[in-house]
Protein backbone atom coordinates (compact mmCIF):
# COMPACT_ATOMS: atom_id res chain seq x y z
CA UNK A 1 12.54 5.86 15.33
CA UNK A 2 13.16 3.41 12.50
CA UNK A 3 12.30 5.77 9.62
CA UNK A 4 14.05 9.04 8.79
CA UNK A 5 12.56 11.55 6.33
CA UNK A 6 14.67 14.32 4.80
CA UNK A 7 13.47 17.12 2.49
CA UNK A 8 16.72 19.08 2.38
CA UNK A 9 17.32 18.13 -1.27
CA UNK A 10 13.93 19.46 -2.32
CA UNK A 11 14.68 23.04 -1.27
CA UNK A 12 15.52 25.97 -3.51
CA UNK A 13 18.59 26.73 -1.38
CA UNK A 14 19.99 23.28 -2.17
CA UNK A 15 19.00 22.52 -5.77
CA UNK A 16 18.07 25.85 -7.32
CA UNK A 17 14.95 27.03 -9.13
CA UNK A 18 13.12 23.69 -9.14
CA UNK A 19 13.27 23.42 -5.36
CA UNK A 20 10.63 24.76 -3.01
CA UNK A 21 11.26 28.28 -1.72
CA UNK A 22 11.42 28.68 2.04
CA UNK A 23 8.49 31.12 2.16
CA UNK A 24 6.26 28.76 0.12
CA UNK A 25 7.08 25.78 2.31
CA UNK A 26 6.56 27.78 5.50
CA UNK A 27 3.19 29.04 4.28
CA UNK A 28 2.05 25.50 3.47
CA UNK A 29 3.29 24.26 6.84
CA UNK A 30 1.30 26.97 8.57
CA UNK A 31 -1.79 25.72 6.72
CA UNK A 32 -1.23 22.19 7.98
CA UNK A 33 -1.78 23.30 11.58
CA UNK A 34 -5.53 23.48 10.96
CA UNK A 35 -5.46 20.01 9.36
CA UNK A 36 -3.57 18.61 12.34
CA UNK A 37 -6.04 20.15 14.76
CA UNK A 38 -8.86 18.59 12.78
CA UNK A 39 -7.18 15.17 12.98
CA UNK A 40 -6.83 15.51 16.74
CA UNK A 41 -10.51 16.40 17.05
CA UNK A 42 -11.50 13.46 14.85
CA UNK A 43 -9.41 11.13 16.98
CA UNK A 44 -11.00 12.46 20.14
CA UNK A 45 -14.60 12.14 18.98
CA UNK A 46 -14.07 8.95 16.97
CA UNK A 47 -15.38 10.44 13.73
CA UNK A 48 -12.33 9.14 11.80
CA UNK A 49 -12.03 5.50 12.98
CA UNK A 50 -8.74 5.05 11.11
CA UNK A 51 -7.02 7.08 13.82
CA UNK A 52 -8.22 4.79 16.62
CA UNK A 53 -6.99 1.62 14.88
CA UNK A 54 -3.35 2.21 15.75
CA UNK A 55 -4.02 1.64 19.46
CA UNK A 56 -6.84 -0.91 19.07
CA UNK A 57 -6.03 -4.47 20.14
CA UNK A 58 -9.47 -5.93 20.89
CA UNK A 59 -10.07 -7.20 17.37
CA UNK A 60 -6.74 -8.95 16.89
CA UNK A 61 -7.78 -12.22 18.54
CA UNK A 62 -10.64 -12.64 16.05
CA UNK A 63 -8.25 -11.96 13.17
CA UNK A 64 -5.82 -14.56 14.53
CA UNK A 65 -8.61 -17.12 14.96
CA UNK A 66 -9.80 -16.60 11.39
CA UNK A 67 -6.25 -17.04 10.10
CA UNK A 68 -5.83 -20.26 12.07
CA UNK A 69 -9.10 -21.64 10.70
CA UNK A 70 -8.17 -20.78 7.12
CA UNK A 71 -4.72 -22.33 7.37
CA UNK A 72 -5.99 -25.66 8.73
CA UNK A 73 -5.60 -28.26 6.01
CA UNK A 74 -4.93 -25.63 3.35
CA UNK A 75 -2.36 -25.82 0.58
CA UNK A 76 -3.43 -22.53 -1.06
CA UNK A 77 -5.25 -19.42 0.13
CA UNK A 78 -6.74 -17.09 -2.47
CA UNK A 79 -7.61 -13.50 -1.60
CA UNK A 80 -10.40 -12.17 -3.83
CA UNK A 81 -10.72 -8.38 -3.89
CA UNK A 82 -9.54 -5.39 -5.84
CA UNK A 83 -8.00 -1.98 -5.20
CA UNK A 84 -8.01 -1.03 -1.54
CA UNK A 85 -9.37 -4.43 -0.59
CA UNK A 86 -6.13 -6.02 -1.79
CA UNK A 87 -3.20 -3.63 -2.29
CA UNK A 88 -2.58 -2.85 1.37
CA UNK A 89 -2.59 -6.52 2.27
CA UNK A 90 -0.22 -7.28 -0.59
CA UNK A 91 2.13 -4.57 0.67
CA UNK A 92 2.16 -6.14 4.12
CA UNK A 93 2.67 -9.75 3.06
CA UNK A 94 5.66 -8.84 0.92
CA UNK A 95 7.55 -8.63 4.21
CA UNK A 96 7.17 -12.40 4.43
CA UNK A 97 8.33 -12.92 0.86
CA UNK A 98 4.83 -13.44 -0.53
CA UNK A 99 4.25 -11.66 -3.87
CA UNK A 100 7.99 -10.95 -4.09
CA UNK A 101 9.12 -11.48 -7.68
CA UNK A 102 11.32 -14.55 -7.93
CA UNK A 103 10.33 -16.06 -4.59
CA UNK A 104 6.76 -17.12 -5.35
CA UNK A 105 7.80 -20.18 -7.33
CA UNK A 106 10.18 -21.49 -4.68
CA UNK A 107 8.30 -20.54 -1.51
CA UNK A 108 7.43 -23.31 0.91
CA UNK A 109 4.34 -23.92 3.01
CA UNK A 110 0.93 -22.59 2.12
CA UNK A 111 0.74 -20.53 -1.03
CA UNK A 112 -0.97 -17.14 -0.74
CA UNK A 113 -2.49 -15.73 -3.94
CA UNK A 114 -4.03 -12.31 -4.58
CA UNK A 115 -6.49 -12.17 -7.47
CA UNK A 116 -6.91 -8.40 -7.58
CA UNK A 117 -7.51 -7.95 -11.29
CA UNK A 118 -10.31 -9.43 -13.35
CA UNK A 119 -9.03 -11.32 -16.37
CA UNK A 120 -11.07 -14.23 -17.76
CA UNK A 121 -8.10 -16.28 -18.96
CA UNK A 122 -6.16 -15.87 -15.71
CA UNK A 123 -9.08 -16.72 -13.48
CA UNK A 124 -10.14 -19.72 -15.57
CA UNK A 125 -6.59 -21.10 -15.54
CA UNK A 126 -6.26 -20.55 -11.79
CA UNK A 127 -9.46 -22.46 -11.01
CA UNK A 128 -8.36 -25.29 -13.28
CA UNK A 129 -4.96 -25.64 -11.62
CA UNK A 130 -5.74 -25.12 -7.94
CA UNK A 131 -6.34 -28.18 -5.74
CA UNK A 132 -9.83 -27.00 -4.80
CA UNK A 133 -10.29 -29.42 -1.91
CA UNK A 134 -7.35 -27.84 -0.08
CA UNK A 135 -7.78 -24.25 -1.29
CA UNK A 136 -9.38 -21.52 0.81
CA UNK A 137 -11.01 -18.43 -0.70
CA UNK A 138 -11.36 -15.10 1.12
CA UNK A 139 -13.72 -12.67 -0.63
CA UNK A 140 -13.35 -9.02 0.42
CA UNK A 141 -15.57 -6.09 -0.54
CA UNK A 142 -16.57 -3.29 1.81
CA UNK A 143 -19.90 -2.57 0.12
CA UNK A 144 -20.44 -6.14 -1.03
CA UNK A 145 -21.34 -4.81 -4.44
CA UNK A 146 -17.97 -4.76 -6.22
CA UNK A 147 -18.69 -6.50 -9.51
CA UNK A 148 -15.18 -7.91 -9.95
CA UNK A 149 -15.17 -9.53 -6.52
CA UNK A 150 -18.71 -10.84 -6.91
CA UNK A 151 -17.88 -12.53 -10.21
CA UNK A 152 -14.68 -14.02 -8.83
CA UNK A 153 -16.57 -15.37 -5.81
CA UNK A 154 -19.41 -16.84 -7.86
CA UNK A 155 -16.94 -18.49 -10.22
CA UNK A 156 -15.02 -20.01 -7.30
CA UNK A 157 -18.24 -21.21 -5.65
CA UNK A 158 -19.37 -22.80 -8.89
CA UNK A 159 -15.99 -24.49 -9.35
CA UNK A 160 -16.30 -25.96 -5.85
CA UNK A 161 -19.79 -27.26 -6.63
CA UNK A 162 -18.66 -28.91 -9.87
CA UNK A 163 -15.78 -30.53 -7.98
CA UNK A 164 -18.26 -32.16 -5.60
CA UNK A 165 -17.27 -29.89 -2.72
CA UNK A 166 -20.55 -28.06 -2.07
CA UNK A 167 -20.86 -29.48 1.43
CA UNK A 168 -17.40 -28.12 2.25
CA UNK A 169 -18.07 -24.57 1.02
CA UNK A 170 -18.48 -23.19 4.59
CA UNK A 171 -14.94 -24.46 5.31
CA UNK A 172 -13.41 -23.46 1.99
CA UNK A 173 -14.71 -19.86 1.94
CA UNK A 174 -14.68 -16.79 4.17
CA UNK A 175 -16.30 -13.42 3.47
CA UNK A 176 -15.35 -9.95 4.66
CA UNK A 177 -17.86 -7.15 4.14
CA UNK A 178 -19.90 -4.51 5.94
CA UNK A 179 -22.51 -5.75 8.42
CA UNK A 180 -25.97 -6.37 7.01
CA UNK A 181 -28.31 -3.36 7.01
CA UNK A 182 -32.04 -3.35 6.24
CA UNK A 183 -31.70 -0.21 4.13
CA UNK A 184 -28.78 -1.31 1.94
CA UNK A 185 -28.22 -4.33 -0.29
CA UNK A 186 -25.02 -6.32 0.25
CA UNK A 187 -24.75 -8.82 -2.57
CA UNK A 188 -21.59 -10.52 -1.36
CA UNK A 189 -23.01 -11.11 2.11
CA UNK A 190 -26.30 -12.39 0.65
CA UNK A 191 -24.44 -14.76 -1.68
CA UNK A 192 -22.13 -16.24 0.95
CA UNK A 193 -24.77 -16.41 3.66
CA UNK A 194 -26.82 -18.67 1.38
CA UNK A 195 -23.96 -21.19 1.52
CA UNK A 196 -23.51 -20.70 5.29
CA UNK A 197 -20.07 -19.18 4.75
CA UNK A 198 -18.77 -17.41 7.86
CA UNK A 199 -18.38 -13.63 7.56
CA UNK A 200 -16.10 -11.05 9.15
CA UNK A 201 -17.34 -7.48 9.43
CA UNK A 202 -15.59 -4.74 7.47
CA UNK A 203 -15.23 -1.56 9.51
CA UNK A 204 -17.99 0.71 8.19
CA UNK A 205 -16.00 3.86 8.92
CA UNK A 206 -12.80 2.91 7.09
CA UNK A 207 -12.74 2.98 3.28
CA UNK A 208 -10.89 0.42 1.17
CA UNK A 209 -7.68 2.32 0.42
CA UNK A 210 -7.34 3.27 4.10
CA UNK A 211 -8.26 -0.21 5.40
CA UNK A 212 -4.82 -1.81 5.66
CA UNK A 213 -4.83 -1.57 9.47
CA UNK A 214 -8.23 -3.32 9.69
CA UNK A 215 -8.88 -7.02 9.20
CA UNK A 216 -8.75 -6.34 5.44
CA UNK A 217 -4.98 -5.96 5.64
CA UNK A 218 -4.20 -7.73 8.88
CA UNK A 219 -5.93 -11.04 8.11
CA UNK A 220 -3.69 -11.73 5.07
CA UNK A 221 -0.72 -10.50 7.14
CA UNK A 222 -1.58 -13.00 9.87
CA UNK A 223 -1.95 -15.73 7.23
CA UNK A 224 1.61 -14.91 6.13
CA UNK A 225 2.85 -15.28 9.72
CA UNK A 226 3.49 -11.60 10.36
CA UNK A 227 3.27 -9.83 13.72
CA UNK A 228 0.08 -7.78 13.33
CA UNK A 229 0.49 -6.20 16.77
CA UNK A 230 3.79 -4.72 15.57
CA UNK A 231 2.11 -3.35 12.43
CA UNK A 232 -0.32 -1.36 14.54
CA UNK A 233 2.41 -0.32 16.98
CA UNK A 234 4.37 1.12 14.07
CA UNK A 235 1.29 3.00 12.90
CA UNK A 236 0.90 4.41 16.41
CA UNK A 237 4.47 5.71 16.25
CA UNK A 238 3.67 7.74 13.12
CA UNK A 239 0.49 9.09 14.70
CA UNK A 240 2.05 9.99 18.06
CA UNK A 241 3.44 13.43 17.09
CA UNK A 242 0.00 14.43 15.81
CA UNK A 243 -1.80 13.40 18.99
CA UNK A 244 1.05 14.81 21.10
CA UNK A 245 0.39 18.25 19.62
CA UNK A 246 3.86 18.61 18.12
CA UNK A 247 4.21 21.66 15.85
CA UNK A 248 3.72 20.93 12.15
CA UNK A 249 7.44 21.27 11.44
CA UNK A 250 8.02 18.28 13.73
CA UNK A 251 5.26 16.11 12.26
CA UNK A 252 6.72 14.16 9.33
CA UNK A 253 3.42 13.64 7.44
CA UNK A 254 2.63 17.38 7.71
CA UNK A 255 6.07 18.22 6.32
CA UNK A 256 5.58 15.78 3.44
CA UNK A 257 2.12 17.14 2.61
CA UNK A 258 3.31 20.74 2.76
CA UNK A 259 6.25 19.93 0.49
CA UNK A 260 4.11 18.20 -2.15
CA UNK A 261 1.44 20.91 -2.16
CA UNK A 262 3.90 23.80 -2.20
CA UNK A 263 5.85 22.29 -5.10
CA UNK A 264 2.64 21.74 -7.05
CA UNK A 265 1.40 25.27 -6.39
CA UNK A 266 4.59 27.21 -7.00
CA UNK A 267 6.89 24.95 -9.02
CA UNK A 268 4.43 23.10 -11.29
CA UNK A 269 5.47 19.69 -9.94
CA UNK A 270 2.37 17.81 -11.06
CA UNK A 271 3.88 14.31 -10.74
CA UNK A 272 4.93 12.54 -7.54
CA UNK A 273 7.37 9.68 -8.12
CA UNK A 274 7.98 7.14 -5.37
CA UNK A 275 11.05 4.97 -5.94
CA UNK A 276 11.78 2.28 -3.36
CA UNK A 277 15.02 0.31 -3.19
CA UNK A 278 13.68 -3.02 -1.88
CA UNK A 279 11.67 -5.79 -3.50
CA UNK A 280 9.59 -5.94 -0.32
CA UNK A 281 8.38 -2.40 -0.92
CA UNK A 282 7.22 -2.92 -4.51
CA UNK A 283 3.56 -3.45 -3.56
CA UNK A 284 3.83 -0.60 -1.09
CA UNK A 285 4.59 1.80 -3.94
CA UNK A 286 1.50 0.53 -5.79
CA UNK A 287 -0.62 0.96 -2.65
CA UNK A 288 0.68 4.53 -2.39
CA UNK A 289 -0.34 5.21 -6.00
CA UNK A 290 -3.96 4.30 -5.31
CA UNK A 291 -4.01 6.11 -1.96
CA UNK A 292 -2.69 9.38 -3.40
CA UNK A 293 -4.50 9.26 -6.75
CA UNK A 294 -7.96 8.29 -5.53
CA UNK A 295 -7.85 10.56 -2.49
CA UNK A 296 -6.58 13.76 -4.13
CA UNK A 297 -7.53 13.56 -7.80
CA UNK A 298 -10.76 15.58 -7.71
CA UNK A 299 -12.17 18.85 -9.02
CA UNK A 300 -9.20 19.30 -11.35
CA UNK A 301 -6.80 19.09 -8.39
CA UNK A 302 -4.15 16.67 -7.18
CA UNK A 303 -0.85 15.40 -8.50
CA UNK A 304 -0.17 12.20 -10.43
CA UNK A 305 1.60 9.45 -8.45
CA UNK A 306 4.09 7.15 -10.18
CA UNK A 307 5.55 3.97 -8.67
CA UNK A 308 9.11 2.89 -9.39
CA UNK A 309 11.39 0.18 -8.01
CA UNK A 310 15.14 0.38 -7.65
CA UNK A 311 17.53 -0.62 -8.95
CA UNK A 312 15.51 -2.08 -11.88
CA UNK A 313 13.77 1.15 -12.89
CA UNK A 314 17.07 2.99 -13.09
CA UNK A 315 17.36 1.15 -16.38
CA UNK A 316 13.89 2.04 -17.65
CA UNK A 317 12.86 5.41 -16.19
CA UNK A 318 15.85 7.26 -14.74
CA UNK A 319 16.83 8.79 -18.09
CA UNK A 320 13.41 10.47 -18.25
CA UNK A 321 13.48 11.42 -14.59
CA UNK A 322 16.80 13.24 -14.91
CA UNK A 323 16.70 14.58 -18.46
CA UNK A 324 12.98 14.84 -19.16
CA UNK A 325 10.33 17.40 -18.15
CA UNK A 326 10.93 19.09 -14.79
CA UNK A 327 7.47 18.35 -13.47
CA UNK A 328 8.24 15.82 -10.73
CA UNK A 329 8.82 15.52 -7.00
CA UNK A 330 10.84 12.41 -6.17
CA UNK A 331 10.54 10.32 -3.02
CA UNK A 332 13.41 7.83 -2.74
CA UNK A 333 13.08 5.14 -0.06
CA UNK A 334 16.16 3.18 0.95
CA UNK A 335 16.63 0.32 3.38
CA UNK A 336 19.73 -0.60 5.32
CA UNK A 337 21.14 -3.25 2.97
CA UNK A 338 24.88 -2.68 3.40
CA UNK A 339 26.89 -5.89 3.95
CA UNK A 340 23.81 -8.06 3.25
CA UNK A 341 23.29 -10.75 0.63
CA UNK A 342 25.83 -12.80 -1.35
CA UNK A 343 29.41 -11.54 -1.21
CA UNK A 344 31.41 -11.38 -4.45
CA UNK A 345 34.43 -13.73 -4.39
CA UNK A 346 37.70 -12.05 -5.31
CA UNK A 347 38.69 -14.64 -7.93
CA UNK A 348 35.45 -14.26 -9.88
CA UNK A 349 35.65 -10.47 -9.69
CA UNK A 350 39.12 -10.63 -11.21
CA UNK A 351 37.83 -12.80 -14.05
CA UNK A 352 35.35 -10.12 -15.10
CA UNK A 353 37.75 -7.24 -14.41
CA UNK A 354 35.42 -5.30 -12.07
CA UNK A 355 37.74 -4.67 -9.13
CA UNK A 356 35.29 -2.25 -7.49
CA UNK A 357 33.01 -5.20 -6.72
CA UNK A 358 35.70 -7.25 -4.96
CA UNK A 359 34.53 -8.55 -1.56
CA UNK A 360 31.35 -6.44 -1.81
CA UNK A 361 27.84 -7.77 -1.25
CA UNK A 362 24.73 -7.33 -3.37
CA UNK A 363 23.39 -5.21 -0.53
CA UNK A 364 26.41 -2.91 -0.81
CA UNK A 365 25.61 -2.25 -4.46
CA UNK A 366 21.89 -1.66 -3.81
CA UNK A 367 22.71 0.78 -1.01
CA UNK A 368 25.17 2.61 -3.25
CA UNK A 369 22.65 2.78 -6.10
CA UNK A 370 19.90 4.21 -3.90
CA UNK A 371 22.24 6.89 -2.61
CA UNK A 372 23.60 7.60 -6.08
CA UNK A 373 20.12 7.97 -7.60
CA UNK A 374 19.06 10.51 -4.99
CA UNK A 375 22.29 12.46 -5.37
CA UNK A 376 22.18 12.39 -9.18
CA UNK A 377 18.63 13.71 -9.19
CA UNK A 378 19.66 16.42 -6.73
CA UNK A 379 22.73 17.46 -8.73
CA UNK A 380 20.50 17.81 -11.77
CA UNK A 381 18.18 20.19 -9.94
CA UNK A 382 15.33 17.72 -9.26
CA UNK A 383 13.53 18.02 -5.90
CA UNK A 384 14.13 14.87 -3.89
CA UNK A 385 12.71 13.72 -0.57
CA UNK A 386 14.36 10.70 1.01
CA UNK A 387 13.26 8.11 3.53
CA UNK A 388 15.73 5.71 5.11
CA UNK A 389 14.58 2.62 6.99
CA UNK A 390 17.09 1.00 9.32
CA UNK A 391 15.15 -2.25 9.59
CA UNK A 392 12.29 -3.15 7.28
CA UNK A 393 9.92 -5.09 9.53
CA UNK A 394 6.27 -5.01 10.56
CA UNK A 395 6.67 -1.97 12.81
CA UNK A 396 8.53 -0.01 10.14
CA UNK A 397 5.97 -0.79 7.45
CA UNK A 398 3.09 0.07 9.78
CA UNK A 399 4.77 3.39 10.51
CA UNK A 400 5.38 4.07 6.82
CA UNK A 401 1.76 3.28 5.92
CA UNK A 402 0.32 5.50 8.63
CA UNK A 403 2.71 8.26 7.58
CA UNK A 404 1.37 8.24 4.03
CA UNK A 405 -2.26 7.92 5.06
CA UNK A 406 -1.82 10.99 7.28
CA UNK A 407 0.16 12.82 4.62
CA UNK A 408 -2.60 12.15 2.09
CA UNK A 409 -5.35 13.35 4.44
CA UNK A 410 -3.41 16.50 5.30
CA UNK A 411 -2.68 17.21 1.63
CA UNK A 412 -6.39 16.83 0.84
CA UNK A 413 -7.15 19.45 3.48
CA UNK A 414 -4.59 21.81 1.95
CA UNK A 415 -5.98 21.57 -1.59
CA UNK A 416 -9.61 21.53 -0.49
CA UNK A 417 -10.88 18.08 -1.48
CA UNK A 418 -12.48 15.20 0.42
CA UNK A 419 -9.84 12.50 0.87
CA UNK A 420 -12.40 9.78 1.43
CA UNK A 421 -14.75 9.82 -1.55
CA UNK A 422 -14.23 8.73 -5.18
CA UNK A 423 -17.11 10.08 -7.29
CA UNK A 424 -15.48 9.47 -10.66
CA UNK A 425 -14.80 5.83 -9.80
CA UNK A 426 -18.40 5.29 -8.73
CA UNK A 427 -19.62 6.71 -12.04
CA UNK A 428 -17.47 4.21 -13.93
CA UNK A 429 -18.83 1.31 -11.86
CA UNK A 430 -22.41 2.28 -12.71
CA UNK A 431 -21.63 2.47 -16.43
CA UNK A 432 -19.79 -0.87 -16.40
CA UNK A 433 -22.79 -2.63 -14.87
CA UNK A 434 -25.06 -0.97 -17.43
CA UNK A 435 -22.93 -2.18 -20.33
CA UNK A 436 -22.55 -5.74 -19.07
CA UNK A 437 -26.33 -5.99 -18.65
CA UNK A 438 -26.77 -4.78 -22.22
CA UNK A 439 -24.68 -7.71 -23.38
C-alpha cells in the first residue's frame, strides 16, 4: 500500500468536543455496509461502469494510438473541455510537470494546454499566439452539447480555416463524445464529423466528474508520457477491499465517508478542507472540489469542499482555519519529501542566521510544515484526517482518485442523494443558452 489514511486526530477522544464521538462514527460506519453491498452488486451486474474500469485493459491500445497520432508533428496540444471533462486529466498530467506552476514556461517538448474556462480575451490571445499548423486540438464533451466547448471548438476550427489549414483539419483536431444516437442530438459530433475529424467514444455510463479513468483522463495522461496502466492498477488497489468484502472499518473510502457524514450530522462541520503538500496535487484538490460539491450538494444537503495547497496557503488561510469558525473537517495530504530537493549550504545559512536550516533540503522543510500544520490544527481542537503517500506516481494517484470517487458515492448513499446527477447545473445551462440567444 502506497497511501495511508488516519482519522485518529478527528476523534473526540483525541481532540475534544469538535471531534467525532465513537458512537456517531460507529453508527455511520454501520450505515456504509449497505452502500458497500450496493457497490458490489453494481460491479457484478455492470450497472456502474466506473467500477469495471479499474480492471479494464482492452481500451488502452486505442488510447495509446490516439496519443501517438496527436503527438506526430505537434508542437502544442490543446485540450478543450470544462469541469469533469478537464479537471481529472489536469490532475493526472501534473505528475509529469504539466500545469505545475513555475514549470510550464521552462518545460521542453510538446506543450500541453488545458482551456477549461471560457474567457474571450484568453481564448483570442491563445489562437493568435499558437502555431496553428503544428497545434492539435482535442475537444471533449460527453453530451456534445456543452456550450463552452462548442464555442471553443468552432473558434479553433475557424482560426484553422483562416490560416489556410482547412484541408488539415482532420489531422489537427480530435473529438471525444458519446456515440451518435438517433434519438439525441450531439452538436459536437455533428460539427466535427462535417470536417471529417476522427472521434473517440465517451463512455455513456460514466459522467464527466467520474471520467478520469476513461479516455477523457487517460488520453491527456498518455500525451504527457504517463503510465496509464499503472493509473488503473492503482484504482484497482483502492477498489479491492470493497470487492473483497472487507468490513467497512477496513475499507478506507467507507471510513472517510462515515467520518465526513458523522461530523456534519453531529458536529456541524459543514466545510471539508483538503490541503495537499505537493505542487503535483494542486489540480487534484480542485478535481476533488468538483467531485464532492456536484455529487453531494442537493436537496439542501452536502458539505462545502475547499481546496488548499501547502505550504503556500499556510500564509493565506491557516489563520482562519485555526482561529476562525469551528465548522471544518480538514484532510491533510503529505508526500514523502524528506531529503529531496536543493540542500542548504552551511555558509549561506550562517549568513542569514537561520541555523535550523543548515544542511537541510527544501523537502525537509515541506515535510516538517505538513506535519506541523496537521498537529497545530489538532492541538487547537480541529478534526484532522491525514493521508501520507510514500511515492507520488501514477499508481498512487490512481488509488487516491478511486478512493475519493468511492468515498463520494458512499457519502451520497449515507445522506440520501444521487451522486451522479446535477439538476441545478443543468438549469443554469438552459438559462445561459436562453440569455445568449436573446442577445
